[in-house]
Amino acid sequence: MKATLITNIQKFSVNDGPGFRTTVFLKGCLLRCRWCHNPETISSRQEVLWKQRLCVECGACYEVCPEQAILPVNSSENGVQKHGIKDRIDRSACNSCLECVESCPQNALVAAGQPMTVDQTLEEVEKDKTFYENSGGGLTISGGEPTLHHRFTLELMEKARYNGLHVCLDTSGYCDSDRFRRLTAGADIVLFDFKLMNSGEHQRFTGVGNEEILANLEWLVYSNIETWIRIPVVPGVNDSGDVHATMADYLISLSGDIDRVDLLPFHNWCENKYEWLGLSWDFADVNSIDPVELEQFAEYYRAKGIFTTIGGSGFEVN
């Protein structure tokens, strides 16, 4: 099995399934959610993050770059300006060779995405096996979109379960139906991201319609695979009672049971990630949502008999 790019292996996660978990973030996603909190996982190729506050402008990166993709230190502009964001890197010229990363003495340049094999990934995950056993936790495979790396994801799930680990698969559901069914059948729990019912609005905010997503969700629930619906509540996107009333009605109409709904409040703590990638963010000036504000929406689902949390904790439920 070839290595796959992984942006992060997050330990002691409590919001990605039951118990203490290790969440593996794969790199690459076909959606372009405008509020995305993990922009470093969108592209399927390695990228370089420039952390300006750590940069001392020593020029080491400029000296080693074979593509002249880094602006010289003595430039009067002192950075590439694009959409109001200053960037040291000309992204159109960068070939992700990472020589600049290796040369940086201050760790101001960091690679987004490290190639790892299934066995390397599983070895890291299993270091905390005792915590999983004591808390009912395990491995969560997320992204990006793990179904993009279906062979890697399937082998990782199979080996993890063979070794006694509980496995959650976190997916947008935007995937070929055959691939989706093979992968979700191998998970103990599927965490299914559900954003909008209206396909036109879904296209507007994520770049794709939702017909395939809804078809996969309907099959998933019909198949009685344990399913946790995760709804990111985003200002100006789906933060209205009408939206959640419609979504609640749809969920209870499915042929099968929804195990729970997790309402995930929008936050803007990820703005630095966009700046590190030389990107502007549509939601940079949007305030984070107080979790208390989501109680009104949670009642739409609870009134339909659906177990509903705010924040998705695997331990405490509101």
C-alpha atoms as a PDB file:
ATOM      1  CA  MET A   1       0.000   0.000   0.000  1.00  0.00           C
ATOM      2  CA  LYS A   2       1.366   3.391  -1.021  1.00  0.00           C
ATOM      3  CA  ALA A   3       1.691   6.188   1.507  1.00  0.00           C
ATOM      4  CA  THR A   4      -1.135   8.710   1.776  1.00  0.00           C
ATOM      5  CA  LEU A   5      -0.811  12.327   2.849  1.00  0.00           C
ATOM      6  CA  ILE A   6      -1.940  12.939   6.421  1.00  0.00           C
ATOM      7  CA  THR A   7      -2.164  16.468   7.810  1.00  0.00           C
ATOM      8  CA  ASN A   8      -2.625  15.603  11.478  1.00  0.00           C
ATOM      9  CA  ILE A   9      -3.007  12.739  13.919  1.00  0.00           C
ATOM     10  CA  GLN A  10      -4.967  14.308  16.756  1.00  0.00           C
ATOM     11  CA  LYS A  11      -4.885  12.416  20.019  1.00  0.00           C
ATOM     12  CA  PHE A  12      -7.372  12.547  22.898  1.00  0.00           C
ATOM     13  CA  SER A  13     -10.131  13.836  20.666  1.00  0.00           C
ATOM     14  CA  VAL A  14     -13.520  13.800  22.402  1.00  0.00           C
ATOM     15  CA  ASN A  15     -15.745  15.210  19.657  1.00  0.00           C
ATOM     16  CA  ASP A  16     -15.265  12.634  16.897  1.00  0.00           C
ATOM     17  CA  GLY A  17     -17.117   9.647  18.279  1.00  0.00           C
ATOM     18  CA  PRO A  18     -17.435   7.931  21.661  1.00  0.00           C
ATOM     19  CA  GLY A  19     -14.701   8.025  24.297  1.00  0.00           C
ATOM     20  CA  PHE A  20     -11.131   9.187  23.853  1.00  0.00           C
ATOM     21  CA  ARG A  21     -10.145   8.859  20.224  1.00  0.00           C
ATOM     22  CA  THR A  22      -7.278   9.443  17.844  1.00  0.00           C
ATOM     23  CA  THR A  23      -8.470  11.266  14.741  1.00  0.00           C
ATOM     24  CA  VAL A  24      -6.471  10.813  11.536  1.00  0.00           C
ATOM     25  CA  PHE A  25      -6.937  13.659   9.049  1.00  0.00           C
ATOM     26  CA  LEU A  26      -6.351  12.611   5.429  1.00  0.00           C
ATOM     27  CA  LYS A  27      -5.498  15.299   2.871  1.00  0.00           C
ATOM     28  CA  GLY A  28      -7.827  15.980  -0.045  1.00  0.00           C
ATOM     29  CA  CYS A  29     -11.486  16.897  -0.437  1.00  0.00           C
ATOM     30  CA  LEU A  30     -13.811  17.407  -3.416  1.00  0.00           C
ATOM     31  CA  LEU A  31     -15.998  19.875  -1.534  1.00  0.00           C
ATOM     32  CA  ARG A  32     -15.096  23.527  -1.160  1.00  0.00           C
ATOM     33  CA  CYS A  33     -17.089  24.486   1.917  1.00  0.00           C
ATOM     34  CA  ARG A  34     -16.693  28.216   2.295  1.00  0.00           C
ATOM     35  CA  TRP A  35     -16.540  27.965   6.097  1.00  0.00           C
ATOM     36  CA  CYS A  36     -14.037  25.055   6.155  1.00  0.00           C
ATOM     37  CA  HIS A  37     -12.082  24.956   9.421  1.00  0.00           C
ATOM     38  CA  ASN A  38      -9.300  22.783   7.993  1.00  0.00           C
ATOM     39  CA  PRO A  39      -8.224  24.427   4.711  1.00  0.00           C
ATOM     40  CA  GLU A  40      -4.911  22.560   4.811  1.00  0.00           C
ATOM     41  CA  THR A  41      -6.853  19.326   4.153  1.00  0.00           C
ATOM     42  CA  ILE A  42      -8.587  20.501   0.959  1.00  0.00           C
ATOM     43  CA  SER A  43      -5.816  20.070  -1.619  1.00  0.00           C
ATOM     44  CA  SER A  44      -4.637  16.527  -2.314  1.00  0.00           C
ATOM     45  CA  ARG A  45      -1.011  17.659  -2.750  1.00  0.00           C
ATOM     46  CA  GLN A  46       1.556  18.760  -0.208  1.00  0.00           C
ATOM     47  CA  GLU A  47       1.575  22.472   0.531  1.00  0.00           C
ATOM     48  CA  VAL A  48       3.831  24.850   2.420  1.00  0.00           C
ATOM     49  CA  LEU A  49       2.489  26.897   5.310  1.00  0.00           C
ATOM     50  CA  TRP A  50       4.238  30.207   5.965  1.00  0.00           C
ATOM     51  CA  LYS A  51       3.860  31.314   9.582  1.00  0.00           C
ATOM     52  CA  GLN A  52       4.764  34.966   9.273  1.00  0.00           C
ATOM     53  CA  ARG A  53       5.069  35.628  13.008  1.00  0.00           C
ATOM     54  CA  LEU A  54       7.908  33.085  13.253  1.00  0.00           C
ATOM     55  CA  CYS A  55       9.761  34.339  10.176  1.00  0.00           C
ATOM     56  CA  VAL A  56      12.971  36.299  10.863  1.00  0.00           C
ATOM     57  CA  GLU A  57      13.581  36.932   7.138  1.00  0.00           C
ATOM     58  CA  CYS A  58      16.966  35.217   7.179  1.00  0.00           C
ATOM     59  CA  GLY A  59      16.691  34.373   3.469  1.00  0.00           C
ATOM     60  CA  ALA A  60      17.564  30.686   3.845  1.00  0.00           C
ATOM     61  CA  CYS A  61      14.396  29.604   2.035  1.00  0.00           C
ATOM     62  CA  TYR A  62      15.032  31.997  -0.856  1.00  0.00           C
ATOM     63  CA  GLU A  63      18.538  30.649  -1.332  1.00  0.00           C
ATOM     64  CA  VAL A  64      17.467  27.001  -1.689  1.00  0.00           C
ATOM     65  CA  CYS A  65      14.220  27.335  -3.673  1.00  0.00           C
ATOM     66  CA  PRO A  66      14.846  25.777  -7.124  1.00  0.00           C
ATOM     67  CA  GLU A  67      11.763  27.419  -8.647  1.00  0.00           C
ATOM     68  CA  GLN A  68      12.352  30.962  -7.357  1.00  0.00           C
ATOM     69  CA  ALA A  69       8.914  30.711  -5.772  1.00  0.00           C
ATOM     70  CA  ILE A  70       9.948  32.633  -2.649  1.00  0.00           C
ATOM     71  CA  LEU A  71      10.171  36.404  -2.584  1.00  0.00           C
ATOM     72  CA  PRO A  72      13.630  37.759  -1.718  1.00  0.00           C
ATOM     73  CA  VAL A  73      14.044  39.283   1.734  1.00  0.00           C
ATOM     74  CA  ASN A  74      15.004  42.714   0.427  1.00  0.00           C
ATOM     75  CA  SER A  75      11.871  43.080  -1.695  1.00  0.00           C
ATOM     76  CA  SER A  76      10.130  46.383  -1.131  1.00  0.00           C
ATOM     77  CA  GLU A  77       6.804  44.569  -1.120  1.00  0.00           C
ATOM     78  CA  ASN A  78       8.048  42.127   1.535  1.00  0.00           C
ATOM     79  CA  GLY A  79       5.479  39.593   0.430  1.00  0.00           C
ATOM     80  CA  VAL A  80       3.124  38.570  -2.352  1.00  0.00           C
ATOM     81  CA  GLN A  81      -0.155  40.430  -1.907  1.00  0.00           C
ATOM     82  CA  LYS A  82      -3.290  38.560  -2.953  1.00  0.00           C
ATOM     83  CA  HIS A  83      -6.822  39.351  -1.772  1.00  0.00           C
ATOM     84  CA  GLY A  84      -5.345  41.421   1.047  1.00  0.00           C
ATOM     85  CA  ILE A  85      -3.228  38.519   2.355  1.00  0.00           C
ATOM     86  CA  LYS A  86       0.553  38.797   2.464  1.00  0.00           C
ATOM     87  CA  ASP A  87       2.439  35.661   1.464  1.00  0.00           C
ATOM     88  CA  ARG A  88       6.144  34.943   1.147  1.00  0.00           C
ATOM     89  CA  ILE A  89       5.461  32.237  -1.453  1.00  0.00           C
ATOM     90  CA  ASP A  90       4.406  32.492  -5.074  1.00  0.00           C
ATOM     91  CA  ARG A  91       2.025  29.528  -4.952  1.00  0.00           C
ATOM     92  CA  SER A  92       1.723  29.308  -8.733  1.00  0.00           C
ATOM     93  CA  ALA A  93       5.443  28.600  -9.016  1.00  0.00           C
ATOM     94  CA  CYS A  94       5.850  26.344  -5.961  1.00  0.00           C
ATOM     95  CA  ASN A  95       6.266  22.639  -6.771  1.00  0.00           C
ATOM     96  CA  SER A  96       6.124  21.501  -3.117  1.00  0.00           C
ATOM     97  CA  CYS A  97       9.688  20.164  -3.127  1.00  0.00           C
ATOM     98  CA  LEU A  98       9.882  21.240   0.558  1.00  0.00           C
ATOM     99  CA  GLU A  99      13.529  22.321   0.338  1.00  0.00           C
ATOM    100  CA  CYS A 100      12.474  25.625   1.919  1.00  0.00           C
ATOM    101  CA  VAL A 101      10.863  23.785   4.818  1.00  0.00           C
ATOM    102  CA  GLU A 102      14.024  21.816   5.467  1.00  0.00           C
ATOM    103  CA  SER A 103      16.154  24.959   5.367  1.00  0.00           C
ATOM    104  CA  CYS A 104      14.069  27.116   7.724  1.00  0.00           C
ATOM    105  CA  PRO A 105      15.775  27.473  11.139  1.00  0.00           C
ATOM    106  CA  GLN A 106      12.670  28.964  12.804  1.00  0.00           C
ATOM    107  CA  ASN A 107      10.037  26.461  11.636  1.00  0.00           C
ATOM    108  CA  ALA A 108       8.243  29.347   9.966  1.00  0.00           C
ATOM    109  CA  LEU A 109       7.771  27.130   6.901  1.00  0.00           C
ATOM    110  CA  VAL A 110       5.903  23.879   7.567  1.00  0.00           C
ATOM    111  CA  ALA A 111       4.689  21.122   5.265  1.00  0.00           C
ATOM    112  CA  ALA A 112       0.950  20.499   5.227  1.00  0.00           C
ATOM    113  CA  GLY A 113       0.638  16.772   4.657  1.00  0.00           C
ATOM    114  CA  GLN A 114       3.095  14.031   5.545  1.00  0.00           C
ATOM    115  CA  PRO A 115       3.146  10.752   3.595  1.00  0.00           C
ATOM    116  CA  MET A 116       2.358   7.788   5.840  1.00  0.00           C
ATOM    117  CA  THR A 117       1.571   4.146   5.148  1.00  0.00           C
ATOM    118  CA  VAL A 118      -1.282   2.277   6.781  1.00  0.00           C
ATOM    119  CA  ASP A 119       1.118   0.459   9.088  1.00  0.00           C
ATOM    120  CA  GLN A 120       2.856   3.667  10.138  1.00  0.00           C
ATOM    121  CA  THR A 121      -0.491   5.303  10.844  1.00  0.00           C
ATOM    122  CA  LEU A 122      -1.810   2.355  12.809  1.00  0.00           C
ATOM    123  CA  GLU A 123       1.392   2.162  14.850  1.00  0.00           C
ATOM    124  CA  GLU A 124       0.885   5.765  15.940  1.00  0.00           C
ATOM    125  CA  VAL A 125      -2.805   5.237  16.703  1.00  0.00           C
ATOM    126  CA  GLU A 126      -2.191   2.135  18.794  1.00  0.00           C
ATOM    127  CA  LYS A 127       0.142   3.969  21.174  1.00  0.00           C
ATOM    128  CA  ASP A 128      -2.959   5.074  23.091  1.00  0.00           C
ATOM    129  CA  LYS A 129      -4.838   1.790  23.000  1.00  0.00           C
ATOM    130  CA  THR A 130      -5.178   1.704  26.792  1.00  0.00           C
ATOM    131  CA  PHE A 131      -7.092   4.984  26.739  1.00  0.00           C
ATOM    132  CA  TYR A 132      -9.485   3.628  24.116  1.00  0.00           C
ATOM    133  CA  GLU A 133     -10.167   0.508  26.159  1.00  0.00           C
ATOM    134  CA  ASN A 134     -10.859   2.502  29.334  1.00  0.00           C
ATOM    135  CA  SER A 135     -13.109   5.084  27.669  1.00  0.00           C
ATOM    136  CA  GLY A 136     -14.819   3.166  24.873  1.00  0.00           C
ATOM    137  CA  GLY A 137     -12.875   5.163  22.308  1.00  0.00           C
ATOM    138  CA  GLY A 138     -10.801   4.263  19.279  1.00  0.00           C
ATOM    139  CA  LEU A 139      -9.800   5.482  15.827  1.00  0.00           C
ATOM    140  CA  THR A 140     -11.638   8.098  13.780  1.00  0.00           C
ATOM    141  CA  ILE A 141     -10.702   8.551  10.112  1.00  0.00           C
ATOM    142  CA  SER A 142     -11.470  12.052   8.897  1.00  0.00           C
ATOM    143  CA  GLY A 143     -10.190  14.640   6.479  1.00  0.00           C
ATOM    144  CA  GLY A 144     -10.461  16.178   4.067  1.00  0.00           C
ATOM    145  CA  GLU A 145     -12.541  13.315   2.767  1.00  0.00           C
ATOM    146  CA  PRO A 146     -11.405   9.765   3.596  1.00  0.00           C
ATOM    147  CA  THR A 147     -13.439   8.210   0.788  1.00  0.00           C
ATOM    148  CA  LEU A 148     -11.066   9.925  -1.674  1.00  0.00           C
ATOM    149  CA  HIS A 149      -8.387   7.554  -0.382  1.00  0.00           C
ATOM    150  CA  HIS A 150     -10.639   4.523  -0.371  1.00  0.00           C
ATOM    151  CA  ARG A 151      -7.964   1.828  -0.575  1.00  0.00           C
ATOM    152  CA  PHE A 152      -5.914   3.368   2.229  1.00  0.00           C
ATOM    153  CA  THR A 153      -9.015   3.986   4.343  1.00  0.00           C
ATOM    154  CA  LEU A 154     -10.405   0.494   3.836  1.00  0.00           C
ATOM    155  CA  GLU A 155      -7.107  -1.194   4.739  1.00  0.00           C
ATOM    156  CA  LEU A 156      -6.658   1.058   7.780  1.00  0.00           C
ATOM    157  CA  MET A 157     -10.162   0.248   9.007  1.00  0.00           C
ATOM    158  CA  GLU A 158      -9.741  -3.485   8.443  1.00  0.00           C
ATOM    159  CA  LYS A 159      -6.403  -3.645  10.255  1.00  0.00           C
ATOM    160  CA  ALA A 160      -7.621  -1.447  13.100  1.00  0.00           C
ATOM    161  CA  ARG A 161     -10.709  -3.571  13.702  1.00  0.00           C
ATOM    162  CA  TYR A 162      -8.668  -6.764  13.436  1.00  0.00           C
ATOM    163  CA  ASN A 163      -6.474  -5.360  16.212  1.00  0.00           C
ATOM    164  CA  GLY A 164      -9.517  -4.693  18.372  1.00  0.00           C
ATOM    165  CA  LEU A 165      -9.951  -0.966  17.759  1.00  0.00           C
ATOM    166  CA  HIS A 166     -13.337   0.719  17.487  1.00  0.00           C
ATOM    167  CA  VAL A 167     -13.489   2.657  14.192  1.00  0.00           C
ATOM    168  CA  CYS A 168     -15.468   5.753  13.188  1.00  0.00           C
ATOM    169  CA  LEU A 169     -15.537   7.036   9.608  1.00  0.00           C
ATOM    170  CA  ASP A 170     -16.173  10.775   9.202  1.00  0.00           C
ATOM    171  CA  THR A 171     -17.486  11.558   5.710  1.00  0.00           C
ATOM    172  CA  SER A 172     -19.351  14.180   3.733  1.00  0.00           C
ATOM    173  CA  GLY A 173     -21.119  11.424   1.814  1.00  0.00           C
ATOM    174  CA  TYR A 174     -19.997  12.922  -1.501  1.00  0.00           C
ATOM    175  CA  CYS A 175     -18.759   9.714  -3.040  1.00  0.00           C
ATOM    176  CA  ASP A 176     -19.537   7.053  -5.627  1.00  0.00           C
ATOM    177  CA  SER A 177     -22.243   4.831  -4.128  1.00  0.00           C
ATOM    178  CA  ASP A 178     -20.340   1.547  -4.519  1.00  0.00           C
ATOM    179  CA  ARG A 179     -17.243   2.963  -2.842  1.00  0.00           C
ATOM    180  CA  PHE A 180     -19.350   4.568  -0.133  1.00  0.00           C
ATOM    181  CA  ARG A 181     -21.079   1.298   0.687  1.00  0.00           C
ATOM    182  CA  ARG A 182     -17.856  -0.685   0.880  1.00  0.00           C
ATOM    183  CA  LEU A 183     -16.243   1.809   3.192  1.00  0.00           C
ATOM    184  CA  THR A 184     -19.131   2.529   5.531  1.00  0.00           C
ATOM    185  CA  ALA A 185     -19.837  -1.187   5.940  1.00  0.00           C
ATOM    186  CA  GLY A 186     -16.371  -1.484   7.496  1.00  0.00           C
ATOM    187  CA  ALA A 187     -16.969   1.146  10.207  1.00  0.00           C
ATOM    188  CA  ASP A 188     -18.470   0.737  13.664  1.00  0.00           C
ATOM    189  CA  ILE A 189     -19.983   4.226  13.453  1.00  0.00           C
ATOM    190  CA  VAL A 190     -20.344   6.595  10.504  1.00  0.00           C
ATOM    191  CA  LEU A 191     -20.136  10.306  11.303  1.00  0.00           C
ATOM    192  CA  PHE A 192     -22.090  11.841   8.427  1.00  0.00           C
ATOM    193  CA  ASP A 193     -21.715  15.558   7.727  1.00  0.00           C
ATOM    194  CA  PHE A 194     -25.095  17.035   6.797  1.00  0.00           C
ATOM    195  CA  LYS A 195     -25.107  20.675   5.764  1.00  0.00           C
ATOM    196  CA  LEU A 196     -28.182  21.717   3.780  1.00  0.00           C
ATOM    197  CA  MET A 197     -31.316  20.181   2.258  1.00  0.00           C
ATOM    198  CA  ASN A 198     -31.616  22.577  -0.658  1.00  0.00           C
ATOM    199  CA  SER A 199     -29.279  21.396  -3.428  1.00  0.00           C
ATOM    200  CA  GLY A 200     -28.903  24.867  -4.928  1.00  0.00           C
ATOM    201  CA  GLU A 201     -27.818  26.309  -1.598  1.00  0.00           C
ATOM    202  CA  HIS A 202     -25.547  23.327  -1.065  1.00  0.00           C
ATOM    203  CA  GLN A 203     -23.907  24.023  -4.427  1.00  0.00           C
ATOM    204  CA  ARG A 204     -23.532  27.687  -3.551  1.00  0.00           C
ATOM    205  CA  PHE A 205     -21.743  27.075  -0.267  1.00  0.00           C
ATOM    206  CA  THR A 206     -19.816  23.844  -0.958  1.00  0.00           C
ATOM    207  CA  GLY A 207     -19.317  23.783  -4.722  1.00  0.00           C
ATOM    208  CA  VAL A 208     -21.401  20.645  -5.305  1.00  0.00           C
ATOM    209  CA  GLY A 209     -25.054  19.650  -5.231  1.00  0.00           C
ATOM    210  CA  ASN A 210     -26.308  17.207  -2.623  1.00  0.00           C
ATOM    211  CA  GLU A 211     -28.285  14.607  -4.604  1.00  0.00           C
ATOM    212  CA  GLU A 212     -25.543  11.977  -4.331  1.00  0.00           C
ATOM    213  CA  ILE A 213     -24.995  12.843  -0.678  1.00  0.00           C
ATOM    214  CA  LEU A 214     -28.653  12.357   0.225  1.00  0.00           C
ATOM    215  CA  ALA A 215     -28.837   9.090  -1.718  1.00  0.00           C
ATOM    216  CA  ASN A 216     -25.850   7.755   0.230  1.00  0.00           C
ATOM    217  CA  LEU A 217     -27.339   8.894   3.531  1.00  0.00           C
ATOM    218  CA  GLU A 218     -30.630   7.177   2.751  1.00  0.00           C
ATOM    219  CA  TRP A 219     -28.826   3.905   1.985  1.00  0.00           C
ATOM    220  CA  LEU A 220     -26.716   4.238   5.124  1.00  0.00           C
ATOM    221  CA  VAL A 221     -29.705   4.632   7.428  1.00  0.00           C
ATOM    222  CA  TYR A 222     -31.657   1.907   5.629  1.00  0.00           C
ATOM    223  CA  SER A 223     -28.724  -0.460   6.170  1.00  0.00           C
ATOM    224  CA  ASN A 224     -28.900   0.020   9.963  1.00  0.00           C
ATOM    225  CA  ILE A 225     -25.266   1.117  10.204  1.00  0.00           C
ATOM    226  CA  GLU A 226     -24.892   3.239  13.326  1.00  0.00           C
ATOM    227  CA  THR A 227     -25.038   6.807  12.082  1.00  0.00           C
ATOM    228  CA  TRP A 228     -24.306  10.068  13.847  1.00  0.00           C
ATOM    229  CA  ILE A 229     -25.446  13.090  11.852  1.00  0.00           C
ATOM    230  CA  ARG A 230     -23.087  16.042  12.266  1.00  0.00           C
ATOM    231  CA  ILE A 231     -24.466  19.437  11.275  1.00  0.00           C
ATOM    232  CA  PRO A 232     -22.053  22.388  11.229  1.00  0.00           C
ATOM    233  CA  VAL A 233     -24.232  25.391  12.064  1.00  0.00           C
ATOM    234  CA  VAL A 234     -22.831  28.359  10.158  1.00  0.00           C
ATOM    235  CA  PRO A 235     -24.061  31.984  10.293  1.00  0.00           C
ATOM    236  CA  GLY A 236     -25.810  32.982   7.088  1.00  0.00           C
ATOM    237  CA  VAL A 237     -25.784  29.418   5.793  1.00  0.00           C
ATOM    238  CA  ASN A 238     -28.041  27.219   7.929  1.00  0.00           C
ATOM    239  CA  ASP A 239     -28.667  29.119  11.159  1.00  0.00           C
ATOM    240  CA  SER A 240     -32.432  29.407  10.867  1.00  0.00           C
ATOM    241  CA  GLY A 241     -35.340  27.513  12.383  1.00  0.00           C
ATOM    242  CA  ASP A 242     -36.852  26.788   8.976  1.00  0.00           C
ATOM    243  CA  VAL A 243     -33.669  25.056   7.815  1.00  0.00           C
ATOM    244  CA  HIS A 244     -33.503  22.807  10.872  1.00  0.00           C
ATOM    245  CA  ALA A 245     -37.216  22.052  10.881  1.00  0.00           C
ATOM    246  CA  THR A 246     -36.884  20.839   7.287  1.00  0.00           C
ATOM    247  CA  MET A 247     -33.787  18.798   8.087  1.00  0.00           C
ATOM    248  CA  ALA A 248     -35.428  17.199  11.130  1.00  0.00           C
ATOM    249  CA  ASP A 249     -38.490  16.229   9.078  1.00  0.00           C
ATOM    250  CA  TYR A 250     -36.263  14.699   6.442  1.00  0.00           C
ATOM    251  CA  LEU A 251     -34.222  12.664   8.911  1.00  0.00           C
ATOM    252  CA  ILE A 252     -37.251  11.062  10.555  1.00  0.00           C
ATOM    253  CA  SER A 253     -38.705  10.238   7.134  1.00  0.00           C
ATOM    254  CA  LEU A 254     -35.797   7.909   6.352  1.00  0.00           C
ATOM    255  CA  SER A 255     -36.307   4.146   6.424  1.00  0.00           C
ATOM    256  CA  GLY A 256     -34.240   3.400   9.502  1.00  0.00           C
ATOM    257  CA  ASP A 257     -33.101   5.029  12.714  1.00  0.00           C
ATOM    258  CA  ILE A 258     -30.819   8.019  13.143  1.00  0.00           C
ATOM    259  CA  ASP A 259     -28.754   7.272  16.243  1.00  0.00           C
ATOM    260  CA  ARG A 260     -28.045  10.897  17.064  1.00  0.00           C
ATOM    261  CA  VAL A 261     -27.589  14.406  15.720  1.00  0.00           C
ATOM    262  CA  ASP A 262     -24.652  16.598  16.718  1.00  0.00           C
ATOM    263  CA  LEU A 263     -25.007  20.331  16.121  1.00  0.00           C
ATOM    264  CA  LEU A 264     -21.522  21.808  15.722  1.00  0.00           C
ATOM    265  CA  PRO A 265     -21.263  25.575  16.376  1.00  0.00           C
ATOM    266  CA  PHE A 266     -19.244  27.617  13.892  1.00  0.00           C
ATOM    267  CA  HIS A 267     -15.965  29.071  15.169  1.00  0.00           C
ATOM    268  CA  ASN A 268     -13.396  31.360  13.567  1.00  0.00           C
ATOM    269  CA  TRP A 269     -10.282  30.045  15.307  1.00  0.00           C
ATOM    270  CA  CYS A 270      -8.858  28.763  12.031  1.00  0.00           C
ATOM    271  CA  GLU A 271      -8.233  32.129  10.340  1.00  0.00           C
ATOM    272  CA  ASN A 272      -4.466  31.759  10.786  1.00  0.00           C
ATOM    273  CA  LYS A 273      -4.504  28.573   8.707  1.00  0.00           C
ATOM    274  CA  TYR A 274      -5.812  30.510   5.714  1.00  0.00           C
ATOM    275  CA  GLU A 275      -3.143  33.181   6.147  1.00  0.00           C
ATOM    276  CA  TRP A 276      -0.438  30.496   6.370  1.00  0.00           C
ATOM    277  CA  LEU A 277      -1.652  29.214   2.981  1.00  0.00           C
ATOM    278  CA  GLY A 278      -1.786  32.696   1.489  1.00  0.00           C
ATOM    279  CA  LEU A 279      -5.570  32.569   1.274  1.00  0.00           C
ATOM    280  CA  SER A 280      -8.362  34.912   2.256  1.00  0.00           C
ATOM    281  CA  TRP A 281     -11.364  33.484   4.131  1.00  0.00           C
ATOM    282  CA  ASP A 282     -14.959  34.500   3.506  1.00  0.00           C
ATOM    283  CA  PHE A 283     -15.839  34.004   7.175  1.00  0.00           C
ATOM    284  CA  ALA A 284     -12.880  35.780   8.772  1.00  0.00           C
ATOM    285  CA  ASP A 285     -15.103  38.550  10.167  1.00  0.00           C
ATOM    286  CA  VAL A 286     -17.946  36.267  11.252  1.00  0.00           C
ATOM    287  CA  ASN A 287     -18.250  35.785  14.996  1.00  0.00           C
ATOM    288  CA  SER A 288     -18.166  32.335  16.533  1.00  0.00           C
ATOM    289  CA  ILE A 289     -21.517  30.910  17.622  1.00  0.00           C
ATOM    290  CA  ASP A 290     -22.165  30.505  21.338  1.00  0.00           C
ATOM    291  CA  PRO A 291     -23.215  26.854  21.808  1.00  0.00           C
ATOM    292  CA  VAL A 292     -26.172  28.047  23.900  1.00  0.00           C
ATOM    293  CA  GLU A 293     -27.616  29.648  20.771  1.00  0.00           C
ATOM    294  CA  LEU A 294     -28.034  26.198  19.210  1.00  0.00           C
ATOM    295  CA  GLU A 295     -30.467  24.975  21.866  1.00  0.00           C
ATOM    296  CA  GLN A 296     -33.352  26.416  19.852  1.00  0.00           C
ATOM    297  CA  PHE A 297     -32.351  24.324  16.834  1.00  0.00           C
ATOM    298  CA  ALA A 298     -31.687  21.200  18.901  1.00  0.00           C
ATOM    299  CA  GLU A 299     -35.318  21.214  20.002  1.00  0.00           C
ATOM    300  CA  TYR A 300     -36.486  20.612  16.424  1.00  0.00           C
ATOM    301  CA  TYR A 301     -34.661  17.265  16.404  1.00  0.00           C
ATOM    302  CA  ARG A 302     -35.470  16.322  19.982  1.00  0.00           C
ATOM    303  CA  ALA A 303     -39.133  16.977  19.336  1.00  0.00           C
ATOM    304  CA  LYS A 304     -38.941  14.299  16.632  1.00  0.00           C
ATOM    305  CA  GLY A 305     -37.419  11.836  19.092  1.00  0.00           C
ATOM    306  CA  ILE A 306     -33.844  12.159  17.826  1.00  0.00           C
ATOM    307  CA  PHE A 307     -31.084  12.125  20.442  1.00  0.00           C
ATOM    308  CA  THR A 308     -29.317  15.468  19.904  1.00  0.00           C
ATOM    309  CA  THR A 309     -26.136  17.045  21.294  1.00  0.00           C
ATOM    310  CA  ILE A 310     -24.487  20.401  20.913  1.00  0.00           C
ATOM    311  CA  GLY A 311     -20.791  20.058  20.160  1.00  0.00           C
ATOM    312  CA  GLY A 312     -20.746  16.324  19.594  1.00  0.00           C
ATOM    313  CA  SER A 313     -18.951  15.264  22.784  1.00  0.00           C
ATOM    314  CA  GLY A 314     -18.518  11.532  23.155  1.00  0.00           C
ATOM    315  CA  PHE A 315     -18.853  11.867  26.922  1.00  0.00           C
ATOM    316  CA  GLU A 316     -21.374  14.499  27.946  1.00  0.00           C
ATOM    317  CA  VAL A 317     -24.642  15.192  26.204  1.00  0.00           C
ATOM    318  CA  ASN A 318     -26.681  18.363  26.500  1.00  0.00           C
END
